[in-house]
C-alpha atoms as a PDB file:
ATOM      1  CA  MET A   1      85.617-101.075   0.416  1.00  0.00           C
ATOM      2  CA  PHE A   2      89.253-100.305  -0.468  1.00  0.00           C
ATOM      3  CA  LEU A   3      88.739 -96.580   0.110  1.00  0.00           C
ATOM      4  CA  HIS A   4      86.828 -97.212   3.343  1.00  0.00           C
ATOM      5  CA  LYS A   5      89.708 -99.329   4.623  1.00  0.00           C
ATOM      6  CA  PHE A   6      92.472 -96.827   3.950  1.00  0.00           C
ATOM      7  CA  SER A   7      90.855 -93.382   4.140  1.00  0.00           C
ATOM      8  CA  ARG A   8      90.452 -91.564   7.444  1.00  0.00           C
ATOM      9  CA  ASP A   9      86.704 -91.030   7.430  1.00  0.00           C
ATOM     10  CA  LEU A  10      85.133 -88.321   9.561  1.00  0.00           C
ATOM     11  CA  ALA A  11      82.087 -87.872  11.770  1.00  0.00           C
ATOM     12  CA  ILE A  12      81.047 -84.258  12.286  1.00  0.00           C
ATOM     13  CA  ASP A  13      78.740 -82.752  14.884  1.00  0.00           C
ATOM     14  CA  LEU A  14      78.003 -79.466  13.139  1.00  0.00           C
ATOM     15  CA  GLY A  15      76.523 -77.516  16.025  1.00  0.00           C
ATOM     16  CA  THR A  16      75.290 -73.963  16.386  1.00  0.00           C
ATOM     17  CA  SER A  17      77.872 -73.269  19.100  1.00  0.00           C
ATOM     18  CA  ASN A  18      80.613 -75.844  18.504  1.00  0.00           C
ATOM     19  CA  THR A  19      81.799 -78.207  15.800  1.00  0.00           C
ATOM     20  CA  LEU A  20      83.316 -81.545  16.811  1.00  0.00           C
ATOM     21  CA  VAL A  21      85.189 -83.801  14.386  1.00  0.00           C
ATOM     22  CA  PHE A  22      85.744 -87.515  15.050  1.00  0.00           C
ATOM     23  CA  VAL A  23      88.363 -89.349  12.975  1.00  0.00           C
ATOM     24  CA  ARG A  24      87.836 -93.066  12.376  1.00  0.00           C
ATOM     25  CA  GLY A  25      90.488 -94.988  14.269  1.00  0.00           C
ATOM     26  CA  GLU A  26      91.632 -91.927  16.230  1.00  0.00           C
ATOM     27  CA  GLY A  27      88.693 -90.456  18.170  1.00  0.00           C
ATOM     28  CA  ILE A  28      87.726 -86.802  18.621  1.00  0.00           C
ATOM     29  CA  ALA A  29      90.363 -84.760  16.808  1.00  0.00           C
ATOM     30  CA  LEU A  30      88.764 -81.309  16.931  1.00  0.00           C
ATOM     31  CA  ASN A  31      86.330 -79.393  19.140  1.00  0.00           C
ATOM     32  CA  GLU A  32      86.091 -75.693  18.320  1.00  0.00           C
ATOM     33  CA  PRO A  33      83.460 -72.930  18.221  1.00  0.00           C
ATOM     34  CA  SER A  34      81.352 -72.733  15.036  1.00  0.00           C
ATOM     35  CA  ILE A  35      82.528 -69.187  14.420  1.00  0.00           C
ATOM     36  CA  VAL A  36      84.234 -67.440  11.492  1.00  0.00           C
ATOM     37  CA  SER A  37      85.740 -63.948  11.338  1.00  0.00           C
ATOM     38  CA  ILE A  38      85.891 -62.226   7.955  1.00  0.00           C
ATOM     39  CA  HIS A  39      87.066 -58.970   6.402  1.00  0.00           C
ATOM     40  CA  VAL A  40      83.979 -56.996   5.397  1.00  0.00           C
ATOM     41  CA  GLY A  41      85.579 -55.639   2.218  1.00  0.00           C
ATOM     42  CA  ASP A  42      86.592 -58.795   0.372  1.00  0.00           C
ATOM     43  CA  HIS A  43      84.930 -61.442   2.596  1.00  0.00           C
ATOM     44  CA  SER A  44      88.286 -63.120   3.148  1.00  0.00           C
ATOM     45  CA  VAL A  45      88.373 -65.450   6.161  1.00  0.00           C
ATOM     46  CA  LEU A  46      90.666 -64.156   8.894  1.00  0.00           C
ATOM     47  CA  ALA A  47      90.113 -66.785  11.590  1.00  0.00           C
ATOM     48  CA  VAL A  48      87.996 -69.850  12.368  1.00  0.00           C
ATOM     49  CA  GLY A  49      87.052 -71.580  15.604  1.00  0.00           C
ATOM     50  CA  ASN A  50      88.860 -70.597  18.803  1.00  0.00           C
ATOM     51  CA  GLU A  51      90.760 -67.746  17.160  1.00  0.00           C
ATOM     52  CA  ALA A  52      87.540 -66.271  15.768  1.00  0.00           C
ATOM     53  CA  LYS A  53      85.714 -66.587  19.108  1.00  0.00           C
ATOM     54  CA  ALA A  54      88.483 -64.646  20.833  1.00  0.00           C
ATOM     55  CA  MET A  55      87.632 -61.698  18.547  1.00  0.00           C
ATOM     56  CA  ILE A  56      83.983 -61.388  19.679  1.00  0.00           C
ATOM     57  CA  GLY A  57      83.293 -57.864  20.930  1.00  0.00           C
ATOM     58  CA  ARG A  58      86.829 -56.712  20.107  1.00  0.00           C
ATOM     59  CA  THR A  59      86.822 -56.148  16.348  1.00  0.00           C
ATOM     60  CA  PRO A  60      87.176 -52.908  14.336  1.00  0.00           C
ATOM     61  CA  PRO A  61      84.351 -52.038  11.888  1.00  0.00           C
ATOM     62  CA  GLU A  62      86.032 -53.752   8.932  1.00  0.00           C
ATOM     63  CA  ILE A  63      86.014 -57.163  10.641  1.00  0.00           C
ATOM     64  CA  ARG A  64      82.871 -59.206  11.326  1.00  0.00           C
ATOM     65  CA  VAL A  65      82.522 -62.278  13.516  1.00  0.00           C
ATOM     66  CA  ILE A  66      79.884 -64.675  12.174  1.00  0.00           C
ATOM     67  CA  GLN A  67      78.051 -67.725  13.490  1.00  0.00           C
ATOM     68  CA  PRO A  68      77.160 -69.418  10.185  1.00  0.00           C
ATOM     69  CA  LEU A  69      74.638 -71.755  11.845  1.00  0.00           C
ATOM     70  CA  LYS A  70      71.519 -70.584  13.639  1.00  0.00           C
ATOM     71  CA  ASN A  71      69.185 -72.836  15.614  1.00  0.00           C
ATOM     72  CA  GLY A  72      70.945 -75.943  14.344  1.00  0.00           C
ATOM     73  CA  VAL A  73      70.655 -75.169  10.617  1.00  0.00           C
ATOM     74  CA  ILE A  74      72.806 -73.353   8.073  1.00  0.00           C
ATOM     75  CA  ALA A  75      72.149 -69.617   7.998  1.00  0.00           C
ATOM     76  CA  ASP A  76      75.155 -68.672   5.825  1.00  0.00           C
ATOM     77  CA  PHE A  77      75.980 -71.353   3.263  1.00  0.00           C
ATOM     78  CA  GLU A  78      79.253 -69.844   2.046  1.00  0.00           C
ATOM     79  CA  MET A  79      80.683 -69.367   5.534  1.00  0.00           C
ATOM     80  CA  THR A  80      79.554 -72.835   6.646  1.00  0.00           C
ATOM     81  CA  GLU A  81      81.311 -74.341   3.635  1.00  0.00           C
ATOM     82  CA  ARG A  82      84.506 -72.408   4.333  1.00  0.00           C
ATOM     83  CA  MET A  83      84.416 -73.290   8.025  1.00  0.00           C
ATOM     84  CA  LEU A  84      83.879 -76.983   7.232  1.00  0.00           C
ATOM     85  CA  SER A  85      86.648 -76.895   4.640  1.00  0.00           C
ATOM     86  CA  TYR A  86      89.025 -75.442   7.227  1.00  0.00           C
ATOM     87  CA  PHE A  87      88.154 -78.082   9.839  1.00  0.00           C
ATOM     88  CA  ILE A  88      88.313 -80.987   7.353  1.00  0.00           C
ATOM     89  CA  THR A  89      91.623 -79.769   5.911  1.00  0.00           C
ATOM     90  CA  ARG A  90      93.081 -79.435   9.402  1.00  0.00           C
ATOM     91  CA  THR A  91      92.208 -82.977  10.382  1.00  0.00           C
ATOM     92  CA  GLN A  92      93.336 -84.442   7.056  1.00  0.00           C
ATOM     93  CA  ARG A  93      96.655 -82.564   7.198  1.00  0.00           C
ATOM     94  CA  TRP A  94      97.184 -83.828  10.745  1.00  0.00           C
ATOM     95  CA  LEU A  95      96.542 -87.383   9.522  1.00  0.00           C
ATOM     96  CA  ARG A  96      98.794 -86.905   6.457  1.00  0.00           C
ATOM     97  CA  THR A  97      96.349 -88.378   3.985  1.00  0.00           C
ATOM     98  CA  VAL A  98      95.272 -87.090   0.571  1.00  0.00           C
ATOM     99  CA  LEU A  99      92.230 -89.352   0.155  1.00  0.00           C
ATOM    100  CA  LYS A 100      88.932 -87.535   0.381  1.00  0.00           C
ATOM    101  CA  PRO A 101      87.032 -88.707   3.466  1.00  0.00           C
ATOM    102  CA  GLN A 102      83.615 -90.252   3.780  1.00  0.00           C
ATOM    103  CA  VAL A 103      81.735 -87.948   6.152  1.00  0.00           C
ATOM    104  CA  VAL A 104      78.835 -88.626   8.516  1.00  0.00           C
ATOM    105  CA  ILE A 105      77.118 -85.465   9.785  1.00  0.00           C
ATOM    106  CA  GLY A 106      74.489 -85.025  12.477  1.00  0.00           C
ATOM    107  CA  VAL A 107      71.450 -82.897  11.606  1.00  0.00           C
ATOM    108  CA  PRO A 108      68.395 -81.819  13.648  1.00  0.00           C
ATOM    109  CA  ALA A 109      65.492 -84.247  13.288  1.00  0.00           C
ATOM    110  CA  GLY A 110      62.993 -81.647  12.140  1.00  0.00           C
ATOM    111  CA  ILE A 111      64.880 -79.834   9.382  1.00  0.00           C
ATOM    112  CA  THR A 112      63.543 -79.578   5.836  1.00  0.00           C
ATOM    113  CA  GLN A 113      64.875 -81.304   2.722  1.00  0.00           C
ATOM    114  CA  VAL A 114      66.257 -77.956   1.567  1.00  0.00           C
ATOM    115  CA  GLU A 115      68.168 -77.589   4.830  1.00  0.00           C
ATOM    116  CA  ARG A 116      69.441 -81.181   4.564  1.00  0.00           C
ATOM    117  CA  ARG A 117      70.631 -80.511   1.023  1.00  0.00           C
ATOM    118  CA  ALA A 118      72.478 -77.411   2.216  1.00  0.00           C
ATOM    119  CA  VAL A 119      74.396 -79.493   4.776  1.00  0.00           C
ATOM    120  CA  ARG A 120      75.246 -82.149   2.174  1.00  0.00           C
ATOM    121  CA  ASP A 121      76.339 -79.634  -0.439  1.00  0.00           C
ATOM    122  CA  SER A 122      78.501 -77.675   1.994  1.00  0.00           C
ATOM    123  CA  ALA A 123      80.288 -80.881   3.073  1.00  0.00           C
ATOM    124  CA  LEU A 124      80.853 -82.005  -0.526  1.00  0.00           C
ATOM    125  CA  GLN A 125      82.166 -78.573  -1.491  1.00  0.00           C
ATOM    126  CA  ALA A 126      84.415 -78.670   1.576  1.00  0.00           C
ATOM    127  CA  GLY A 127      86.107 -81.856   0.355  1.00  0.00           C
ATOM    128  CA  ALA A 128      84.001 -84.856   1.387  1.00  0.00           C
ATOM    129  CA  ARG A 129      83.939 -87.897  -0.921  1.00  0.00           C
ATOM    130  CA  GLU A 130      80.561 -89.129   0.261  1.00  0.00           C
ATOM    131  CA  VAL A 131      78.124 -87.689   2.816  1.00  0.00           C
ATOM    132  CA  TYR A 132      75.659 -89.399   5.146  1.00  0.00           C
ATOM    133  CA  LEU A 133      73.203 -87.493   7.331  1.00  0.00           C
ATOM    134  CA  VAL A 134      72.024 -88.867  10.671  1.00  0.00           C
ATOM    135  CA  GLU A 135      69.371 -87.314  12.899  1.00  0.00           C
ATOM    136  CA  GLU A 136      71.092 -85.894  15.968  1.00  0.00           C
ATOM    137  CA  PRO A 137      68.782 -87.466  18.585  1.00  0.00           C
ATOM    138  CA  VAL A 138      69.610 -90.928  17.182  1.00  0.00           C
ATOM    139  CA  ALA A 139      73.338 -90.143  17.134  1.00  0.00           C
ATOM    140  CA  ALA A 140      73.178 -88.759  20.685  1.00  0.00           C
ATOM    141  CA  ALA A 141      71.345 -91.866  21.910  1.00  0.00           C
ATOM    142  CA  ILE A 142      73.937 -94.161  20.299  1.00  0.00           C
ATOM    143  CA  GLY A 143      76.747 -92.054  21.765  1.00  0.00           C
ATOM    144  CA  ALA A 144      75.111 -92.315  25.191  1.00  0.00           C
ATOM    145  CA  GLY A 145      75.085 -96.097  24.895  1.00  0.00           C
ATOM    146  CA  LEU A 146      71.320 -96.566  24.566  1.00  0.00           C
ATOM    147  CA  PRO A 147      70.008 -99.727  22.821  1.00  0.00           C
ATOM    148  CA  VAL A 148      68.404 -97.798  19.957  1.00  0.00           C
ATOM    149  CA  LEU A 149      68.051-100.806  17.626  1.00  0.00           C
ATOM    150  CA  GLU A 150      65.925-102.742  20.106  1.00  0.00           C
ATOM    151  CA  PRO A 151      62.096-102.499  20.199  1.00  0.00           C
ATOM    152  CA  GLY A 152      61.999-100.770  23.606  1.00  0.00           C
ATOM    153  CA  GLY A 153      61.480 -97.022  23.957  1.00  0.00           C
ATOM    154  CA  ASN A 154      64.359 -94.623  24.682  1.00  0.00           C
ATOM    155  CA  LEU A 155      63.785 -90.950  25.484  1.00  0.00           C
ATOM    156  CA  ILE A 156      66.679 -88.609  24.721  1.00  0.00           C
ATOM    157  CA  VAL A 157      66.844 -84.886  25.555  1.00  0.00           C
ATOM    158  CA  ASP A 158      69.649 -83.170  23.617  1.00  0.00           C
ATOM    159  CA  ILE A 159      70.238 -79.577  24.781  1.00  0.00           C
ATOM    160  CA  GLY A 160      72.641 -77.954  22.347  1.00  0.00           C
ATOM    161  CA  GLY A 161      73.592 -74.367  21.674  1.00  0.00           C
ATOM    162  CA  GLY A 162      70.745 -73.320  19.385  1.00  0.00           C
ATOM    163  CA  THR A 163      68.077 -75.980  19.846  1.00  0.00           C
ATOM    164  CA  THR A 164      66.783 -78.553  22.297  1.00  0.00           C
ATOM    165  CA  GLU A 165      65.539 -81.783  20.732  1.00  0.00           C
ATOM    166  CA  VAL A 166      63.457 -84.310  22.638  1.00  0.00           C
ATOM    167  CA  ALA A 167      62.894 -87.646  20.936  1.00  0.00           C
ATOM    168  CA  VAL A 168      61.548 -91.118  21.571  1.00  0.00           C
ATOM    169  CA  ILE A 169      63.636 -93.676  19.688  1.00  0.00           C
ATOM    170  CA  SER A 170      62.951 -97.342  18.972  1.00  0.00           C
ATOM    171  CA  LEU A 171      64.194 -99.855  16.371  1.00  0.00           C
ATOM    172  CA  GLY A 172      66.764 -97.383  15.054  1.00  0.00           C
ATOM    173  CA  GLY A 173      64.279 -94.640  14.216  1.00  0.00           C
ATOM    174  CA  VAL A 174      62.665 -91.563  15.714  1.00  0.00           C
ATOM    175  CA  ILE A 175      59.103 -92.423  16.765  1.00  0.00           C
ATOM    176  CA  PHE A 176      58.280 -88.906  17.893  1.00  0.00           C
ATOM    177  CA  CYS A 177      60.445 -85.811  18.123  1.00  0.00           C
ATOM    178  CA  THR A 178      59.796 -82.252  19.141  1.00  0.00           C
ATOM    179  CA  SER A 179      62.263 -79.405  19.228  1.00  0.00           C
ATOM    180  CA  VAL A 180      62.395 -75.864  20.497  1.00  0.00           C
ATOM    181  CA  ARG A 181      64.790 -73.077  19.623  1.00  0.00           C
ATOM    182  CA  VAL A 182      65.696 -72.608  23.253  1.00  0.00           C
ATOM    183  CA  ALA A 183      68.998 -74.005  24.490  1.00  0.00           C
ATOM    184  CA  GLY A 184      72.416 -72.826  25.675  1.00  0.00           C
ATOM    185  CA  ASP A 185      72.541 -69.645  23.584  1.00  0.00           C
ATOM    186  CA  GLU A 186      69.079 -68.593  24.760  1.00  0.00           C
ATOM    187  CA  MET A 187      70.194 -69.093  28.373  1.00  0.00           C
ATOM    188  CA  ASN A 188      73.149 -66.784  27.752  1.00  0.00           C
ATOM    189  CA  GLU A 189      70.827 -64.175  26.260  1.00  0.00           C
ATOM    190  CA  ALA A 190      68.437 -64.458  29.232  1.00  0.00           C
ATOM    191  CA  ILE A 191      71.300 -63.678  31.630  1.00  0.00           C
ATOM    192  CA  LEU A 192      72.460 -60.756  29.501  1.00  0.00           C
ATOM    193  CA  GLN A 193      68.948 -59.275  29.371  1.00  0.00           C
ATOM    194  CA  HIS A 194      68.383 -59.794  33.121  1.00  0.00           C
ATOM    195  CA  ILE A 195      71.500 -57.775  33.948  1.00  0.00           C
ATOM    196  CA  LYS A 196      70.566 -55.111  31.420  1.00  0.00           C
ATOM    197  CA  LYS A 197      67.042 -54.781  32.838  1.00  0.00           C
ATOM    198  CA  HIS A 198      67.813 -54.891  36.565  1.00  0.00           C
ATOM    199  CA  TYR A 199      71.216 -53.185  36.675  1.00  0.00           C
ATOM    200  CA  ASN A 200      71.241 -51.060  33.512  1.00  0.00           C
ATOM    201  CA  LEU A 201      74.546 -52.749  32.737  1.00  0.00           C
ATOM    202  CA  LEU A 202      75.674 -54.099  29.375  1.00  0.00           C
ATOM    203  CA  ILE A 203      77.863 -57.210  29.386  1.00  0.00           C
ATOM    204  CA  GLY A 204      79.228 -59.326  26.546  1.00  0.00           C
ATOM    205  CA  GLU A 205      78.064 -62.729  25.304  1.00  0.00           C
ATOM    206  CA  ARG A 206      81.180 -64.429  26.628  1.00  0.00           C
ATOM    207  CA  GLN A 207      80.591 -62.967  30.102  1.00  0.00           C
ATOM    208  CA  ALA A 208      76.996 -64.188  30.059  1.00  0.00           C
ATOM    209  CA  GLU A 209      78.160 -67.684  29.131  1.00  0.00           C
ATOM    210  CA  HIS A 210      80.746 -67.592  31.940  1.00  0.00           C
ATOM    211  CA  LEU A 211      78.025 -66.636  34.440  1.00  0.00           C
ATOM    212  CA  LYS A 212      75.855 -69.527  33.241  1.00  0.00           C
ATOM    213  CA  LEU A 213      78.706 -71.978  33.725  1.00  0.00           C
ATOM    214  CA  THR A 214      79.810 -70.672  37.133  1.00  0.00           C
ATOM    215  CA  LEU A 215      76.513 -69.672  38.792  1.00  0.00           C
ATOM    216  CA  GLY A 216      73.777 -71.179  36.638  1.00  0.00           C
ATOM    217  CA  SER A 217      71.368 -73.717  38.125  1.00  0.00           C
ATOM    218  CA  ALA A 218      67.885 -75.084  37.497  1.00  0.00           C
ATOM    219  CA  CYS A 219      66.860 -75.479  41.137  1.00  0.00           C
ATOM    220  CA  PRO A 220      68.264 -74.374  44.521  1.00  0.00           C
ATOM    221  CA  GLY A 221      71.321 -76.208  45.802  1.00  0.00           C
ATOM    222  CA  GLU A 222      72.542 -76.845  49.304  1.00  0.00           C
ATOM    223  CA  GLY A 223      74.509 -74.267  51.279  1.00  0.00           C
ATOM    224  CA  PRO A 224      74.762 -70.490  50.835  1.00  0.00           C
ATOM    225  CA  ALA A 225      74.351 -68.965  47.386  1.00  0.00           C
ATOM    226  CA  ARG A 226      77.646 -68.224  45.665  1.00  0.00           C
ATOM    227  CA  SER A 227      78.360 -64.840  44.108  1.00  0.00           C
ATOM    228  CA  VAL A 228      80.788 -63.274  41.632  1.00  0.00           C
ATOM    229  CA  GLU A 229      81.748 -59.788  40.483  1.00  0.00           C
ATOM    230  CA  VAL A 230      80.655 -58.807  36.994  1.00  0.00           C
ATOM    231  CA  LYS A 231      82.137 -55.961  34.960  1.00  0.00           C
ATOM    232  CA  GLY A 232      80.319 -54.155  32.193  1.00  0.00           C
ATOM    233  CA  ARG A 233      79.344 -50.775  30.766  1.00  0.00           C
ATOM    234  CA  ASP A 234      76.762 -48.610  32.515  1.00  0.00           C
ATOM    235  CA  LEU A 235      74.082 -47.777  29.937  1.00  0.00           C
ATOM    236  CA  ALA A 236      73.332 -44.425  31.591  1.00  0.00           C
ATOM    237  CA  ASP A 237      76.765 -42.802  31.443  1.00  0.00           C
ATOM    238  CA  GLY A 238      78.862 -45.275  29.447  1.00  0.00           C
ATOM    239  CA  ILE A 239      81.375 -45.702  32.273  1.00  0.00           C
ATOM    240  CA  PRO A 240      82.731 -49.179  33.180  1.00  0.00           C
ATOM    241  CA  LYS A 241      81.041 -50.514  36.295  1.00  0.00           C
ATOM    242  CA  THR A 242      81.282 -53.556  38.596  1.00  0.00           C
ATOM    243  CA  ILE A 243      78.338 -55.301  40.270  1.00  0.00           C
ATOM    244  CA  THR A 244      77.966 -58.460  42.370  1.00  0.00           C
ATOM    245  CA  LEU A 245      75.572 -61.225  41.307  1.00  0.00           C
ATOM    246  CA  ASN A 246      74.616 -64.416  43.151  1.00  0.00           C
ATOM    247  CA  GLU A 247      73.357 -67.760  41.875  1.00  0.00           C
ATOM    248  CA  ASP A 248      69.778 -67.097  43.023  1.00  0.00           C
ATOM    249  CA  GLU A 249      69.592 -64.184  40.571  1.00  0.00           C
ATOM    250  CA  ILE A 250      71.074 -66.209  37.736  1.00  0.00           C
ATOM    251  CA  ARG A 251      68.645 -69.060  38.415  1.00  0.00           C
ATOM    252  CA  GLU A 252      65.774 -66.569  38.235  1.00  0.00           C
ATOM    253  CA  ALA A 253      67.162 -65.211  34.958  1.00  0.00           C
ATOM    254  CA  LEU A 254      67.226 -68.761  33.563  1.00  0.00           C
ATOM    255  CA  ARG A 255      63.736 -69.667  34.757  1.00  0.00           C
ATOM    256  CA  GLU A 256      61.964 -68.964  31.453  1.00  0.00           C
ATOM    257  CA  PRO A 257      64.281 -70.918  29.094  1.00  0.00           C
ATOM    258  CA  VAL A 258      64.566 -73.807  31.574  1.00  0.00           C
ATOM    259  CA  THR A 259      60.767 -73.973  31.938  1.00  0.00           C
ATOM    260  CA  THR A 260      60.396 -74.007  28.148  1.00  0.00           C
ATOM    261  CA  ILE A 261      62.741 -77.000  27.889  1.00  0.00           C
ATOM    262  CA  VAL A 262      60.924 -78.863  30.668  1.00  0.00           C
ATOM    263  CA  GLU A 263      57.562 -78.275  28.955  1.00  0.00           C
ATOM    264  CA  THR A 264      59.018 -79.545  25.671  1.00  0.00           C
ATOM    265  CA  VAL A 265      59.945 -82.795  27.430  1.00  0.00           C
ATOM    266  CA  ARG A 266      56.415 -82.990  28.834  1.00  0.00           C
ATOM    267  CA  THR A 267      54.927 -82.523  25.353  1.00  0.00           C
ATOM    268  CA  CYS A 268      57.024 -85.380  23.998  1.00  0.00           C
ATOM    269  CA  LEU A 269      55.940 -87.677  26.829  1.00  0.00           C
ATOM    270  CA  GLU A 270      52.279 -86.804  26.282  1.00  0.00           C
ATOM    271  CA  ARG A 271      52.531 -87.790  22.601  1.00  0.00           C
ATOM    272  CA  THR A 272      54.514 -90.991  23.085  1.00  0.00           C
ATOM    273  CA  PRO A 273      52.613 -94.187  22.113  1.00  0.00           C
ATOM    274  CA  PRO A 274      51.397 -96.044  25.236  1.00  0.00           C
ATOM    275  CA  GLU A 275      53.527 -99.158  24.604  1.00  0.00           C
ATOM    276  CA  LEU A 276      56.720 -97.099  24.455  1.00  0.00           C
ATOM    277  CA  ALA A 277      55.636 -94.817  27.315  1.00  0.00           C
ATOM    278  CA  ALA A 278      55.461 -97.913  29.528  1.00  0.00           C
ATOM    279  CA  ASP A 279      59.107 -98.681  28.686  1.00  0.00           C
ATOM    280  CA  LEU A 280      60.149 -95.224  29.906  1.00  0.00           C
ATOM    281  CA  VAL A 281      59.015 -96.009  33.456  1.00  0.00           C
ATOM    282  CA  ASP A 282      62.112 -98.214  33.685  1.00  0.00           C
ATOM    283  CA  SER A 283      64.493 -96.733  31.096  1.00  0.00           C
ATOM    284  CA  GLY A 284      63.735 -93.131  32.061  1.00  0.00           C
ATOM    285  CA  ILE A 285      65.167 -90.030  30.406  1.00  0.00           C
ATOM    286  CA  VAL A 286      68.749 -89.547  29.220  1.00  0.00           C
ATOM    287  CA  VAL A 287      70.003 -85.968  28.814  1.00  0.00           C
ATOM    288  CA  THR A 288      72.868 -85.002  26.493  1.00  0.00           C
ATOM    289  CA  GLY A 289      74.410 -81.795  25.145  1.00  0.00           C
ATOM    290  CA  GLY A 290      76.118 -78.897  26.893  1.00  0.00           C
ATOM    291  CA  GLY A 291      72.862 -77.704  28.460  1.00  0.00           C
ATOM    292  CA  SER A 292      72.641 -80.927  30.463  1.00  0.00           C
ATOM    293  CA  LEU A 293      75.513 -79.626  32.607  1.00  0.00           C
ATOM    294  CA  LEU A 294      73.316 -76.884  34.106  1.00  0.00           C
ATOM    295  CA  ARG A 295      73.391 -77.713  37.804  1.00  0.00           C
ATOM    296  CA  GLY A 296      70.220 -79.299  39.136  1.00  0.00           C
ATOM    297  CA  PHE A 297      68.576 -79.791  35.742  1.00  0.00           C
ATOM    298  CA  ASP A 298      68.374 -83.554  36.226  1.00  0.00           C
ATOM    299  CA  ARG A 299      66.784 -83.085  39.671  1.00  0.00           C
ATOM    300  CA  LEU A 300      64.237 -80.671  38.221  1.00  0.00           C
ATOM    301  CA  LEU A 301      63.270 -83.176  35.505  1.00  0.00           C
ATOM    302  CA  VAL A 302      62.823 -85.926  38.103  1.00  0.00           C
ATOM    303  CA  GLN A 303      60.517 -83.633  40.115  1.00  0.00           C
ATOM    304  CA  GLU A 304      58.469 -82.621  37.077  1.00  0.00           C
ATOM    305  CA  MET A 305      58.262 -85.934  35.175  1.00  0.00           C
ATOM    306  CA  GLN A 306      58.409 -88.490  37.990  1.00  0.00           C
ATOM    307  CA  LEU A 307      60.746 -90.630  35.888  1.00  0.00           C
ATOM    308  CA  PRO A 308      64.391 -91.669  36.330  1.00  0.00           C
ATOM    309  CA  VAL A 309      66.758 -89.124  34.761  1.00  0.00           C
ATOM    310  CA  LYS A 310      70.393 -89.689  33.864  1.00  0.00           C
ATOM    311  CA  ILE A 311      72.979 -87.278  32.470  1.00  0.00           C
ATOM    312  CA  ALA A 312      74.932 -89.165  29.807  1.00  0.00           C
ATOM    313  CA  PRO A 313      78.668 -89.733  30.282  1.00  0.00           C
ATOM    314  CA  ASP A 314      80.568 -87.039  28.339  1.00  0.00           C
ATOM    315  CA  PRO A 315      77.268 -85.364  27.369  1.00  0.00           C
ATOM    316  CA  MET A 316      78.816 -82.697  25.133  1.00  0.00           C
ATOM    317  CA  SER A 317      80.360 -85.366  22.890  1.00  0.00           C
ATOM    318  CA  CYS A 318      77.475 -87.838  22.625  1.00  0.00           C
ATOM    319  CA  VAL A 319      76.409 -86.824  19.109  1.00  0.00           C
ATOM    320  CA  VAL A 320      79.888 -87.039  17.577  1.00  0.00           C
ATOM    321  CA  LEU A 321      80.700 -90.251  19.483  1.00  0.00           C
ATOM    322  CA  GLY A 322      77.511 -91.831  18.155  1.00  0.00           C
ATOM    323  CA  LEU A 323      78.352 -90.703  14.626  1.00  0.00           C
ATOM    324  CA  GLY A 324      81.902 -91.976  15.054  1.00  0.00           C
ATOM    325  CA  ARG A 325      80.686 -95.417  16.080  1.00  0.00           C
ATOM    326  CA  MET A 326      78.783 -95.629  12.795  1.00  0.00           C
ATOM    327  CA  LEU A 327      82.011 -95.205  10.824  1.00  0.00           C
ATOM    328  CA  ASP A 328      83.124 -98.601  12.130  1.00  0.00           C
ATOM    329  CA  GLU A 329      79.685-100.218  11.986  1.00  0.00           C
ATOM    330  CA  MET A 330      78.488 -99.757   8.421  1.00  0.00           C
ATOM    331  CA  ASP A 331      75.368-101.868   8.988  1.00  0.00           C
ATOM    332  CA  LEU A 332      74.351 -99.487  11.778  1.00  0.00           C
ATOM    333  CA  LEU A 333      75.105 -96.494   9.543  1.00  0.00           C
ATOM    334  CA  ARG A 334      72.940 -97.855   6.728  1.00  0.00           C
ATOM    335  CA  ARG A 335      70.039 -98.452   9.116  1.00  0.00           C
ATOM    336  CA  VAL A 336      69.917 -94.953  10.560  1.00  0.00           C
ATOM    337  CA  ALA A 337      71.510 -92.675   7.941  1.00  0.00           C
ATOM    338  CA  GLU A 338      70.272 -90.885   4.872  1.00  0.00           C
ATOM    339  CA  PRO A 339      72.939 -91.046   2.102  1.00  0.00           C
ATOM    340  CA  ALA A 340      73.657 -88.077  -0.140  1.00  0.00           C
END
């Protein structure tokens, strides 16, 4: 109790694309890409987060830029540990405390015990005093303000960078959850491949993400389609080239990943127990994560599911906000978390 009172405990949303850190009593203290750049020779870390992301596509052969998490789970244990250590040290230095923090981390609902252990071990090695793991759909629902401890059904759709998780939650637990490894990163890749196929033009990952954010949509909007110029390398002659793309093309490029996500929601609804399915007629669907910001996605879900759909306030932060709330409500944490 003494340590809990005086240490600055942390909640961490360890995402495929971004890592967010919430400090108890302070709020969100860090939101940076889950990216590390290393020197190939000695594996020394050169940059983490924003600085590492800025190096993508611009590095010499002796420098590699790594995403240590893939599809929501740890793909490179050593680099995940070093990235976590960097983020934890940064927040602790900012807070001027030497006490090791208690850490609550969000994990995908469907990961294995081996994958859970990898998350725990990496956090402990990175400097955590004690580690609790919470399933991300539950954390997202709490962060979105849903009454997850009550007996009614809540349906949450969390579209992250590497995975989309769809879960029905009641009485603090996941009743049914299904996930698919299609989310924001897959949308970026779909845009990149569309341009490569139809224009024989190679663009970078960051450009594809920019196109998704500026022109991406799930269904047609009102008014004329917007367009932007895109620069890349012509695959035929290697010469830089500029083309013009409009939002209709980008929507077509995104059709397959968006359809996959919609069908994943449908699968979850089909497998929801009848008593809880009846609750969803009124409570509807709540969408969180960066993918929820794709224009028109909520309208598409309403059309396909015939249920109310709401984008959560601050959808990109719902998981870490839910985890952060648990730091102050230990009874809630004990009900929904798995201690190390």
